[in-house]
C-alpha atoms as a PDB file:
ATOM      1  CA  MET A   1      27.577  37.068  -4.432  1.00  0.00           C
ATOM      2  CA  PRO A   2      24.713  34.673  -5.055  1.00  0.00           C
ATOM      3  CA  ARG A   3      25.046  32.220  -8.009  1.00  0.00           C
ATOM      4  CA  PHE A   4      22.972  33.512 -11.203  1.00  0.00           C
ATOM      5  CA  SER A   5      22.424  37.067 -10.017  1.00  0.00           C
ATOM      6  CA  ASP A   6      23.337  39.902 -12.353  1.00  0.00           C
ATOM      7  CA  SER A   7      26.696  40.277 -10.933  1.00  0.00           C
ATOM      8  CA  TRP A   8      27.348  36.150 -11.582  1.00  0.00           C
ATOM      9  CA  VAL A   9      26.174  36.815 -15.438  1.00  0.00           C
ATOM     10  CA  VAL A  10      28.940  39.341 -15.555  1.00  0.00           C
ATOM     11  CA  ASP A  11      31.736  37.287 -14.441  1.00  0.00           C
ATOM     12  CA  ARG A  12      30.760  34.228 -15.857  1.00  0.00           C
ATOM     13  CA  THR A  13      30.138  36.078 -19.211  1.00  0.00           C
ATOM     14  CA  LEU A  14      33.972  37.608 -18.739  1.00  0.00           C
ATOM     15  CA  PHE A  15      35.314  34.232 -17.783  1.00  0.00           C
ATOM     16  CA  ASP A  16      34.104  32.355 -20.859  1.00  0.00           C
ATOM     17  CA  TYR A  17      34.832  35.426 -23.365  1.00  0.00           C
ATOM     18  CA  VAL A  18      38.543  34.864 -21.858  1.00  0.00           C
ATOM     19  CA  GLN A  19      38.722  31.264 -21.856  1.00  0.00           C
ATOM     20  CA  GLY A  20      36.823  30.573 -25.466  1.00  0.00           C
ATOM     21  CA  GLY A  21      36.842  34.025 -27.397  1.00  0.00           C
ATOM     22  CA  SER A  22      35.104  34.716 -30.334  1.00  0.00           C
ATOM     23  CA  CYS A  23      34.878  34.658 -33.957  1.00  0.00           C
ATOM     24  CA  ALA A  24      37.299  37.547 -35.118  1.00  0.00           C
ATOM     25  CA  CYS A  25      35.375  37.880 -38.725  1.00  0.00           C
ATOM     26  CA  CYS A  26      31.986  37.491 -37.282  1.00  0.00           C
ATOM     27  CA  GLY A  27      32.456  40.342 -34.118  1.00  0.00           C
ATOM     28  CA  PHE A  28      33.532  43.142 -35.270  1.00  0.00           C
ATOM     29  CA  SER A  29      30.725  44.482 -37.663  1.00  0.00           C
ATOM     30  CA  HIS A  30      30.403  47.663 -36.391  1.00  0.00           C
ATOM     31  CA  LEU A  31      33.978  48.738 -37.537  1.00  0.00           C
ATOM     32  CA  PHE A  32      32.674  49.081 -41.069  1.00  0.00           C
ATOM     33  CA  ASN A  33      30.913  51.846 -39.992  1.00  0.00           C
ATOM     34  CA  PRO A  34      32.867  55.003 -39.971  1.00  0.00           C
ATOM     35  CA  ASP A  35      31.522  56.114 -36.682  1.00  0.00           C
ATOM     36  CA  GLY A  36      31.988  52.790 -35.223  1.00  0.00           C
ATOM     37  CA  LEU A  37      29.257  51.732 -32.552  1.00  0.00           C
ATOM     38  CA  LYS A  38      27.592  54.830 -32.611  1.00  0.00           C
ATOM     39  CA  GLY A  39      27.016  55.019 -36.231  1.00  0.00           C
ATOM     40  CA  LEU A  40      25.894  51.651 -36.286  1.00  0.00           C
ATOM     41  CA  ILE A  41      23.100  52.509 -33.568  1.00  0.00           C
ATOM     42  CA  ASN A  42      22.439  55.798 -35.532  1.00  0.00           C
ATOM     43  CA  ALA A  43      21.605  54.326 -38.801  1.00  0.00           C
ATOM     44  CA  VAL A  44      19.195  51.768 -37.550  1.00  0.00           C
ATOM     45  CA  SER A  45      15.641  53.154 -39.156  1.00  0.00           C
ATOM     46  CA  ASP A  46      13.297  52.459 -36.237  1.00  0.00           C
ATOM     47  CA  LEU A  47      15.379  54.205 -33.342  1.00  0.00           C
ATOM     48  CA  GLU A  48      14.518  57.893 -33.153  1.00  0.00           C
ATOM     49  CA  THR A  49      17.497  60.478 -32.567  1.00  0.00           C
ATOM     50  CA  ASP A  50      16.538  60.290 -28.578  1.00  0.00           C
ATOM     51  CA  ALA A  51      16.488  56.625 -28.329  1.00  0.00           C
ATOM     52  CA  ALA A  52      19.783  55.811 -30.263  1.00  0.00           C
ATOM     53  CA  ASN A  53      21.363  58.307 -27.659  1.00  0.00           C
ATOM     54  CA  GLU A  54      20.277  56.082 -25.106  1.00  0.00           C
ATOM     55  CA  GLU A  55      21.070  53.157 -26.548  1.00  0.00           C
ATOM     56  CA  TYR A  56      24.823  54.901 -27.099  1.00  0.00           C
ATOM     57  CA  ASN A  57      25.081  56.375 -23.353  1.00  0.00           C
ATOM     58  CA  ALA A  58      23.936  52.728 -22.357  1.00  0.00           C
ATOM     59  CA  ALA A  59      26.720  51.349 -24.075  1.00  0.00           C
ATOM     60  CA  LEU A  60      29.338  53.494 -22.511  1.00  0.00           C
ATOM     61  CA  LYS A  61      28.172  52.295 -18.758  1.00  0.00           C
ATOM     62  CA  SER A  62      28.176  48.461 -19.453  1.00  0.00           C
ATOM     63  CA  PRO A  63      30.492  46.840 -17.571  1.00  0.00           C
ATOM     64  CA  TRP A  64      32.269  45.060 -20.262  1.00  0.00           C
ATOM     65  CA  PRO A  65      35.843  45.847 -21.739  1.00  0.00           C
ATOM     66  CA  GLU A  66      35.900  48.414 -24.755  1.00  0.00           C
ATOM     67  CA  ASP A  67      36.383  46.066 -27.338  1.00  0.00           C
ATOM     68  CA  MET A  68      34.066  43.691 -25.806  1.00  0.00           C
ATOM     69  CA  ARG A  69      31.570  45.986 -25.495  1.00  0.00           C
ATOM     70  CA  ASP A  70      31.360  47.132 -28.821  1.00  0.00           C
ATOM     71  CA  GLN A  71      30.819  43.523 -29.878  1.00  0.00           C
ATOM     72  CA  ILE A  72      27.903  42.789 -27.587  1.00  0.00           C
ATOM     73  CA  TRP A  73      25.781  46.246 -28.460  1.00  0.00           C
ATOM     74  CA  ALA A  74      26.747  45.840 -32.183  1.00  0.00           C
ATOM     75  CA  ASP A  75      25.556  42.720 -32.266  1.00  0.00           C
ATOM     76  CA  ARG A  76      22.819  43.475 -29.614  1.00  0.00           C
ATOM     77  CA  VAL A  77      21.315  46.212 -32.225  1.00  0.00           C
ATOM     78  CA  ARG A  78      21.941  43.987 -35.110  1.00  0.00           C
ATOM     79  CA  LEU A  79      20.064  40.874 -33.864  1.00  0.00           C
ATOM     80  CA  ARG A  80      17.120  43.429 -32.906  1.00  0.00           C
ATOM     81  CA  HIS A  81      16.952  44.799 -36.458  1.00  0.00           C
ATOM     82  CA  LEU A  82      16.991  41.198 -37.891  1.00  0.00           C
ATOM     83  CA  MET A  83      14.386  40.295 -36.013  1.00  0.00           C
ATOM     84  CA  LYS A  84      12.087  43.460 -36.469  1.00  0.00           C
ATOM     85  CA  LYS A  85      12.680  42.271 -40.283  1.00  0.00           C
ATOM     86  CA  GLU A  86      10.899  39.009 -39.224  1.00  0.00           C
ATOM     87  CA  MET A  87       7.469  40.276 -37.547  1.00  0.00           C
ATOM     88  CA  LYS A  88       5.941  40.948 -40.682  1.00  0.00           C
ATOM     89  CA  ASP A  89       6.241  37.064 -41.005  1.00  0.00           C
ATOM     90  CA  TYR A  90       4.230  36.816 -37.361  1.00  0.00           C
ATOM     91  CA  ALA A  91       1.596  38.789 -38.971  1.00  0.00           C
ATOM     92  CA  GLN A  92       1.012  36.740 -42.263  1.00  0.00           C
ATOM     93  CA  PHE A  93       1.048  33.606 -39.777  1.00  0.00           C
ATOM     94  CA  ALA A  94      -2.115  35.369 -37.993  1.00  0.00           C
ATOM     95  CA  HIS A  95      -3.579  36.549 -41.042  1.00  0.00           C
ATOM     96  CA  ASP A  96      -3.196  32.976 -42.646  1.00  0.00           C
ATOM     97  CA  CYS A  97      -5.043  31.803 -39.585  1.00  0.00           C
ATOM     98  CA  SER A  98      -7.932  34.348 -39.732  1.00  0.00           C
ATOM     99  CA  SER A  99      -8.492  33.171 -43.480  1.00  0.00           C
ATOM    100  CA  VAL A 100      -8.499  29.498 -42.658  1.00  0.00           C
ATOM    101  CA  ILE A 101     -11.552  30.171 -40.431  1.00  0.00           C
ATOM    102  CA  GLY A 102     -13.348  32.547 -42.827  1.00  0.00           C
ATOM    103  CA  GLY A 103     -12.200  35.558 -40.875  1.00  0.00           C
ATOM    104  CA  GLY A 104     -12.222  37.339 -37.900  1.00  0.00           C
ATOM    105  CA  ASP A 105     -10.292  38.229 -34.687  1.00  0.00           C
ATOM    106  CA  ASP A 106      -6.841  36.960 -35.553  1.00  0.00           C
ATOM    107  CA  VAL A 107      -6.375  35.985 -31.704  1.00  0.00           C
ATOM    108  CA  GLU A 108      -9.563  33.709 -31.799  1.00  0.00           C
ATOM    109  CA  ALA A 109      -8.672  32.288 -35.209  1.00  0.00           C
ATOM    110  CA  LEU A 110      -4.949  31.503 -33.728  1.00  0.00           C
ATOM    111  CA  PHE A 111      -6.729  29.759 -30.395  1.00  0.00           C
ATOM    112  CA  GLN A 112      -8.983  27.387 -33.198  1.00  0.00           C
ATOM    113  CA  PHE A 113      -5.712  26.352 -35.023  1.00  0.00           C
ATOM    114  CA  CYS A 114      -3.591  25.744 -31.907  1.00  0.00           C
ATOM    115  CA  THR A 115      -6.685  23.799 -29.894  1.00  0.00           C
ATOM    116  CA  SER A 116      -7.117  22.045 -33.187  1.00  0.00           C
ATOM    117  CA  LEU A 117      -3.217  20.379 -32.829  1.00  0.00           C
ATOM    118  CA  GLY A 118      -4.680  18.487 -29.519  1.00  0.00           C
ATOM    119  CA  GLY A 119      -3.120  18.709 -26.159  1.00  0.00           C
ATOM    120  CA  ARG A 120      -0.429  16.307 -26.649  1.00  0.00           C
ATOM    121  CA  THR A 121       1.005  17.913 -30.044  1.00  0.00           C
ATOM    122  CA  LEU A 122       0.800  21.676 -28.256  1.00  0.00           C
ATOM    123  CA  MET A 123       3.068  20.526 -24.946  1.00  0.00           C
ATOM    124  CA  ARG A 124       5.508  19.040 -27.145  1.00  0.00           C
ATOM    125  CA  LEU A 125       5.592  22.165 -29.333  1.00  0.00           C
ATOM    126  CA  PHE A 126       5.886  24.488 -26.577  1.00  0.00           C
ATOM    127  CA  GLN A 127       9.277  23.046 -25.024  1.00  0.00           C
ATOM    128  CA  MET A 128      12.575  24.219 -26.041  1.00  0.00           C
ATOM    129  CA  PRO A 129      16.022  22.622 -25.125  1.00  0.00           C
ATOM    130  CA  ARG A 130      18.116  25.205 -23.355  1.00  0.00           C
ATOM    131  CA  VAL A 131      21.146  24.571 -25.975  1.00  0.00           C
ATOM    132  CA  GLU A 132      18.548  25.251 -29.060  1.00  0.00           C
ATOM    133  CA  LEU A 133      18.424  29.323 -27.957  1.00  0.00           C
ATOM    134  CA  SER A 134      21.938  29.693 -28.598  1.00  0.00           C
ATOM    135  CA  GLU A 135      22.047  27.642 -31.495  1.00  0.00           C
ATOM    136  CA  ARG A 136      19.373  29.436 -33.386  1.00  0.00           C
ATOM    137  CA  ILE A 137      21.456  32.644 -32.749  1.00  0.00           C
ATOM    138  CA  GLY A 138      24.205  31.508 -34.336  1.00  0.00           C
ATOM    139  CA  SER A 139      22.704  29.386 -37.195  1.00  0.00           C
ATOM    140  CA  ILE A 140      19.811  31.824 -37.989  1.00  0.00           C
ATOM    141  CA  TYR A 141      21.240  34.872 -37.335  1.00  0.00           C
ATOM    142  CA  ASN A 142      24.774  34.430 -37.842  1.00  0.00           C
ATOM    143  CA  ILE A 143      25.908  35.902 -34.051  1.00  0.00           C
ATOM    144  CA  HIS A 144      29.283  34.219 -33.024  1.00  0.00           C
ATOM    145  CA  SER A 145      30.580  37.235 -31.139  1.00  0.00           C
ATOM    146  CA  ALA A 146      30.771  38.238 -27.437  1.00  0.00           C
ATOM    147  CA  PHE A 147      26.905  38.492 -27.458  1.00  0.00           C
ATOM    148  CA  SER A 148      26.369  35.131 -27.995  1.00  0.00           C
ATOM    149  CA  VAL A 149      28.489  34.751 -24.633  1.00  0.00           C
ATOM    150  CA  VAL A 150      26.079  37.166 -23.004  1.00  0.00           C
ATOM    151  CA  LEU A 151      23.308  34.861 -24.400  1.00  0.00           C
ATOM    152  CA  CYS A 152      24.460  31.770 -23.384  1.00  0.00           C
ATOM    153  CA  THR A 153      24.940  32.747 -19.786  1.00  0.00           C
ATOM    154  CA  VAL A 154      21.339  34.773 -19.650  1.00  0.00           C
ATOM    155  CA  VAL A 155      19.912  31.528 -20.734  1.00  0.00           C
ATOM    156  CA  GLU A 156      21.323  29.772 -17.855  1.00  0.00           C
ATOM    157  CA  GLN A 157      20.064  32.534 -15.908  1.00  0.00           C
ATOM    158  CA  VAL A 158      16.644  32.465 -16.633  1.00  0.00           C
ATOM    159  CA  ALA A 159      16.918  28.941 -16.457  1.00  0.00           C
ATOM    160  CA  ASN A 160      17.635  29.252 -12.634  1.00  0.00           C
ATOM    161  CA  PHE A 161      15.360  32.266 -12.504  1.00  0.00           C
ATOM    162  CA  LYS A 162      13.959  31.242  -9.029  1.00  0.00           C
ATOM    163  CA  LEU A 163      17.021  30.646  -6.889  1.00  0.00           C
ATOM    164  CA  THR A 164      17.826  34.924  -7.994  1.00  0.00           C
ATOM    165  CA  ALA A 165      14.707  35.937  -6.317  1.00  0.00           C
ATOM    166  CA  TYR A 166      14.311  38.784  -8.988  1.00  0.00           C
ATOM    167  CA  ASP A 167      10.842  39.855  -9.789  1.00  0.00           C
ATOM    168  CA  THR A 168       9.535  39.857 -13.414  1.00  0.00           C
ATOM    169  CA  ASP A 169      10.498  42.885 -15.107  1.00  0.00           C
ATOM    170  CA  GLY A 170       8.108  42.623 -18.562  1.00  0.00           C
ATOM    171  CA  ARG A 171       7.366  45.717 -19.774  1.00  0.00           C
ATOM    172  CA  SER A 172       3.728  45.285 -21.159  1.00  0.00           C
ATOM    173  CA  PRO A 173       1.125  42.566 -19.231  1.00  0.00           C
ATOM    174  CA  GLU A 174       1.701  40.268 -22.301  1.00  0.00           C
ATOM    175  CA  GLU A 175       5.536  40.088 -21.379  1.00  0.00           C
ATOM    176  CA  VAL A 176       4.703  39.620 -17.358  1.00  0.00           C
ATOM    177  CA  ALA A 177       2.248  36.873 -18.096  1.00  0.00           C
ATOM    178  CA  PHE A 178       4.499  34.953 -19.851  1.00  0.00           C
ATOM    179  CA  GLU A 179       7.491  35.570 -17.835  1.00  0.00           C
ATOM    180  CA  GLU A 180       5.515  33.936 -14.613  1.00  0.00           C
ATOM    181  CA  GLY A 181       4.423  31.082 -17.215  1.00  0.00           C
ATOM    182  CA  LEU A 182       7.823  29.959 -18.342  1.00  0.00           C
ATOM    183  CA  SER A 183       9.397  27.447 -16.575  1.00  0.00           C
ATOM    184  CA  PHE A 184      12.594  24.937 -16.915  1.00  0.00           C
ATOM    185  CA  ASP A 185      12.652  21.424 -16.860  1.00  0.00           C
ATOM    186  CA  ARG A 186      16.109  19.682 -17.195  1.00  0.00           C
ATOM    187  CA  ARG A 187      14.647  16.892 -19.438  1.00  0.00           C
ATOM    188  CA  GLY A 188      12.105  19.020 -21.059  1.00  0.00           C
ATOM    189  CA  GLY A 189      14.035  22.282 -21.039  1.00  0.00           C
ATOM    190  CA  PHE A 190      12.318  25.643 -21.240  1.00  0.00           C
ATOM    191  CA  ASN A 191       8.281  25.283 -21.054  1.00  0.00           C
ATOM    192  CA  LEU A 192       5.229  26.571 -20.893  1.00  0.00           C
ATOM    193  CA  PRO A 193       2.214  24.844 -19.056  1.00  0.00           C
ATOM    194  CA  ILE A 194      -0.016  25.028 -22.003  1.00  0.00           C
ATOM    195  CA  ALA A 195      -1.483  21.340 -21.788  1.00  0.00           C
ATOM    196  CA  LYS A 196      -1.798  18.899 -18.613  1.00  0.00           C
ATOM    197  CA  ARG A 197      -1.720  15.272 -19.084  1.00  0.00           C
ATOM    198  CA  LEU A 198      -5.343  13.430 -17.373  1.00  0.00           C
ATOM    199  CA  GLN A 199      -4.085  11.153 -14.451  1.00  0.00           C
ATOM    200  CA  GLY A 200      -4.825   7.649 -15.566  1.00  0.00           C
ATOM    201  CA  THR A 201      -5.344   8.077 -19.607  1.00  0.00           C
ATOM    202  CA  LYS A 202      -3.048   9.111 -22.322  1.00  0.00           C
ATOM    203  CA  ASP A 203      -5.098  12.251 -23.262  1.00  0.00           C
ATOM    204  CA  TYR A 204      -4.319  15.652 -22.464  1.00  0.00           C
ATOM    205  CA  GLN A 205      -6.022  18.754 -21.101  1.00  0.00           C
ATOM    206  CA  ILE A 206      -5.334  22.355 -23.101  1.00  0.00           C
ATOM    207  CA  ASN A 207      -4.976  25.240 -20.329  1.00  0.00           C
ATOM    208  CA  GLU A 208      -6.606  27.827 -22.148  1.00  0.00           C
ATOM    209  CA  SER A 209      -5.574  30.673 -20.008  1.00  0.00           C
ATOM    210  CA  VAL A 210      -1.779  30.062 -21.015  1.00  0.00           C
ATOM    211  CA  LEU A 211      -2.354  29.195 -24.912  1.00  0.00           C
ATOM    212  CA  ARG A 212      -4.488  32.468 -25.159  1.00  0.00           C
ATOM    213  CA  MET A 213      -1.396  34.557 -23.222  1.00  0.00           C
ATOM    214  CA  PHE A 214       0.985  32.957 -25.861  1.00  0.00           C
ATOM    215  CA  ILE A 215      -1.097  33.795 -28.590  1.00  0.00           C
ATOM    216  CA  HIS A 216      -1.568  37.303 -27.435  1.00  0.00           C
ATOM    217  CA  LEU A 217       2.125  37.674 -27.438  1.00  0.00           C
ATOM    218  CA  ILE A 218       2.399  37.006 -30.898  1.00  0.00           C
ATOM    219  CA  VAL A 219      -0.275  38.880 -32.431  1.00  0.00           C
ATOM    220  CA  ARG A 220       0.028  42.498 -29.850  1.00  0.00           C
ATOM    221  CA  LEU A 221       3.739  42.265 -29.782  1.00  0.00           C
ATOM    222  CA  LEU A 222       5.578  40.153 -32.389  1.00  0.00           C
ATOM    223  CA  ALA A 223       3.328  40.581 -35.010  1.00  0.00           C
ATOM    224  CA  GLY A 224       4.224  44.506 -34.244  1.00  0.00           C
ATOM    225  CA  PRO A 225       4.155  47.414 -34.745  1.00  0.00           C
ATOM    226  CA  LYS A 226       6.682  47.352 -32.593  1.00  0.00           C
ATOM    227  CA  LEU A 227       9.748  44.475 -31.340  1.00  0.00           C
ATOM    228  CA  LEU A 228       9.452  44.921 -27.814  1.00  0.00           C
ATOM    229  CA  HIS A 229       7.431  47.066 -25.376  1.00  0.00           C
ATOM    230  CA  ARG A 230       9.874  50.165 -23.999  1.00  0.00           C
ATOM    231  CA  ALA A 231      10.221  51.486 -20.590  1.00  0.00           C
ATOM    232  CA  PRO A 232       7.927  54.427 -19.884  1.00  0.00           C
ATOM    233  CA  PRO A 233      10.037  57.522 -20.909  1.00  0.00           C
ATOM    234  CA  GLY A 234      12.000  58.909 -17.321  1.00  0.00           C
ATOM    235  CA  PRO A 235      11.048  62.697 -16.280  1.00  0.00           C
ATOM    236  CA  LYS A 236      13.627  65.107 -17.718  1.00  0.00           C
ATOM    237  CA  PRO A 237      16.575  66.462 -15.691  1.00  0.00           C
ATOM    238  CA  GLU A 238      14.692  69.764 -15.640  1.00  0.00           C
ATOM    239  CA  GLN A 239      10.892  68.295 -14.466  1.00  0.00           C
ATOM    240  CA  GLN A 240      13.269  66.228 -11.666  1.00  0.00           C
ATOM    241  CA  LYS A 241      14.472  69.032 -10.537  1.00  0.00           C
ATOM    242  CA  GLN A 242      11.309  70.901 -10.208  1.00  0.00           C
ATOM    243  CA  ASP A 243       9.958  68.288  -8.715  1.00  0.00           C
ATOM    244  CA  SER A 244      12.404  68.409  -5.988  1.00  0.00           C
ATOM    245  CA  ASP A 245      12.106  71.518  -5.218  1.00  0.00           C
ATOM    246  CA  ASP A 246       8.058  71.468  -5.382  1.00  0.00           C
ATOM    247  CA  GLU A 247       8.552  68.545  -2.475  1.00  0.00           C
ATOM    248  CA  ASP A 248      10.997  70.572  -0.652  1.00  0.00           C
ATOM    249  CA  GLU A 249       8.415  73.378  -0.739  1.00  0.00           C
ATOM    250  CA  GLY A 250       5.455  71.485   0.197  1.00  0.00           C
ATOM    251  CA  GLY A 251       8.284  69.783   3.139  1.00  0.00           C
ATOM    252  CA  GLY A 252       8.364  73.494   4.235  1.00  0.00           C
ATOM    253  CA  ASP A 253       4.603  74.557   4.475  1.00  0.00           C
ATOM    254  CA  GLY A 254       3.836  71.263   6.440  1.00  0.00           C
ATOM    255  CA  ALA A 255       6.193  71.809   8.903  1.00  0.00           C
END
């Protein structure tokens, strides 16, 4: 099993969870719903019936033991619900930047605001230590269950993503561009190549293409209307069967 592969994530998470456990008061929020995990998923307002069913069916196929599975999926849904409430803050921030420059396109307004900060400041802002991600999940969203163990392991996988030889899996051009630009350095943590120091000077040159990519991510994704882009729906079982029949018939004619 290659290190940092998806299988490694599962095994490492199970090991860390058994060794460290989780907070009992935080790990079973789903039990307060009479219908358990399915009831919690159905109660999330942004999930339509088909999407809710897909969430639940995916949970049943997860590699985790049942009690751990319910913690992970309940807090995953809860985290997404909490983050969706924050989307208005990103939209308001973009609107405020636009207002400062006298109106106009939110993307251009944010671009002008960021470039006014200078390359050195931007470079520092676009760095995040690896441990800070897990700390924010616990301190801001109050998630300390098995899901936090999964996130810690996934963060380590992302930090070593090049070793996995996996392709990007973003569901929109903005997500793919972000994945391709994100890198990890042991001293600086996660970062984007937002600025580069000019040789022989103390000045930094802003990478405008990377900056615009990140701004598009904020305005077109984080500011709504959807928190994350979803994968395009696959064909229904009836359609899959029809396609298969058509292929069989086509093959016969060709012969």
